[in-house]
């Protein structure tokens, strides 16, 4: 029975290895150009790293901006009314159009 358990564990690691390989291939097919790396210039990887950093920075900036706007409108402050928050939002949007 112990021999069967060991062979079962080996079979399980083969299944996990095959699944990992399928996931790796799926990720490559989804995110990399066809024929990568031969189909792209040498600097493609560096460009992608910098592009990802820029995208993450832009998303982080958006999150912080939204948080600051919501705090400025009084979200989380029990003393602020919905009318005051709406007025602030309309004023902000109106000023941004000028």
Protein backbone atom coordinates (compact mmCIF):
# COMPACT_ATOMS: atom_id res chain seq x y z
CA UNK A 1 0.00 0.00 0.00
CA UNK A 2 2.94 2.35 0.70
CA UNK A 3 4.25 1.68 -2.83
CA UNK A 4 0.93 2.66 -4.29
CA UNK A 5 0.95 5.92 -2.31
CA UNK A 6 4.40 6.85 -3.60
CA UNK A 7 3.46 6.09 -7.20
CA UNK A 8 0.28 8.12 -6.68
CA UNK A 9 2.33 11.04 -5.42
CA UNK A 10 4.61 10.80 -8.45
CA UNK A 11 1.59 10.70 -10.74
CA UNK A 12 0.17 13.72 -8.95
CA UNK A 13 3.35 15.70 -9.50
CA UNK A 14 3.25 14.77 -13.18
CA UNK A 15 -0.32 16.05 -13.38
CA UNK A 16 0.65 19.28 -11.62
CA UNK A 17 3.67 19.63 -13.92
CA UNK A 18 1.52 19.11 -17.03
CA UNK A 19 -1.06 21.60 -15.75
CA UNK A 20 1.67 24.13 -15.00
CA UNK A 21 3.04 23.73 -18.52
CA UNK A 22 -0.43 24.25 -20.02
CA UNK A 23 -0.92 27.39 -17.93
CA UNK A 24 2.50 28.68 -19.00
CA UNK A 25 1.67 28.09 -22.68
CA UNK A 26 -1.73 29.77 -22.29
CA UNK A 27 -0.14 32.84 -20.67
CA UNK A 28 2.46 33.06 -23.45
CA UNK A 29 -0.21 32.72 -26.14
CA UNK A 30 -2.34 35.40 -24.50
CA UNK A 31 0.27 38.03 -23.64
CA UNK A 32 3.17 37.57 -26.05
CA UNK A 33 3.23 38.20 -29.80
CA UNK A 34 3.21 35.19 -32.13
CA UNK A 35 6.71 33.83 -32.65
CA UNK A 36 8.12 35.51 -29.53
CA UNK A 37 11.06 36.13 -29.04
CA UNK A 38 12.21 35.82 -32.66
CA UNK A 39 9.37 38.00 -33.99
CA UNK A 40 10.15 41.13 -31.94
CA UNK A 41 13.12 43.50 -31.64
CA UNK A 42 15.62 43.00 -28.80
CA UNK A 43 14.33 45.99 -26.83
CA UNK A 44 10.73 44.67 -26.72
CA UNK A 45 11.09 43.17 -23.23
CA UNK A 46 12.50 46.42 -21.81
CA UNK A 47 9.71 48.39 -23.48
CA UNK A 48 7.08 46.10 -21.96
CA UNK A 49 8.58 46.41 -18.46
CA UNK A 50 8.54 50.21 -18.72
CA UNK A 51 5.03 50.14 -20.18
CA UNK A 52 3.76 48.04 -17.27
CA UNK A 53 5.39 50.41 -14.77
CA UNK A 54 3.70 53.36 -16.49
CA UNK A 55 0.31 51.63 -16.48
CA UNK A 56 0.59 50.74 -12.79
CA UNK A 57 1.64 54.30 -11.95
CA UNK A 58 -1.32 55.73 -13.87
CA UNK A 59 -3.74 53.39 -12.11
CA UNK A 60 -2.27 54.23 -8.70
CA UNK A 61 -2.53 57.96 -9.46
CA UNK A 62 -6.18 57.50 -10.44
CA UNK A 63 -6.93 55.64 -7.22
CA UNK A 64 -5.31 58.35 -5.10
CA UNK A 65 -7.10 61.11 -7.04
CA UNK A 66 -10.48 59.45 -6.61
CA UNK A 67 -9.85 58.93 -2.91
CA UNK A 68 -8.90 62.59 -2.46
CA UNK A 69 -12.00 63.76 -4.36
CA UNK A 70 -14.30 61.53 -2.32
CA UNK A 71 -12.73 62.70 0.94
CA UNK A 72 -13.05 66.29 -0.22
CA UNK A 73 -16.74 65.72 -0.87
CA UNK A 74 -17.13 64.42 2.66
CA UNK A 75 -17.53 60.71 2.06
CA UNK A 76 -17.11 59.06 5.44
CA UNK A 77 -18.04 62.22 7.32
CA UNK A 78 -21.46 61.80 8.96
CA UNK A 79 -21.96 65.59 9.11
CA UNK A 80 -21.88 66.10 5.34
CA UNK A 81 -25.19 65.93 3.47
CA UNK A 82 -25.78 64.37 0.08
CA UNK A 83 -26.74 67.81 -1.26
CA UNK A 84 -23.37 69.27 -0.21
CA UNK A 85 -21.50 66.40 -1.85
CA UNK A 86 -23.54 66.76 -5.05
CA UNK A 87 -22.96 70.51 -5.11
CA UNK A 88 -19.22 70.02 -4.74
CA UNK A 89 -19.15 67.44 -7.53
CA UNK A 90 -21.15 69.64 -9.91
CA UNK A 91 -18.92 72.62 -9.12
CA UNK A 92 -15.77 70.57 -9.71
CA UNK A 93 -17.07 69.21 -13.01
CA UNK A 94 -18.21 72.68 -14.08
CA UNK A 95 -14.82 74.21 -13.29
CA UNK A 96 -13.01 71.51 -15.23
CA UNK A 97 -14.99 72.44 -18.36
CA UNK A 98 -13.83 76.05 -18.26
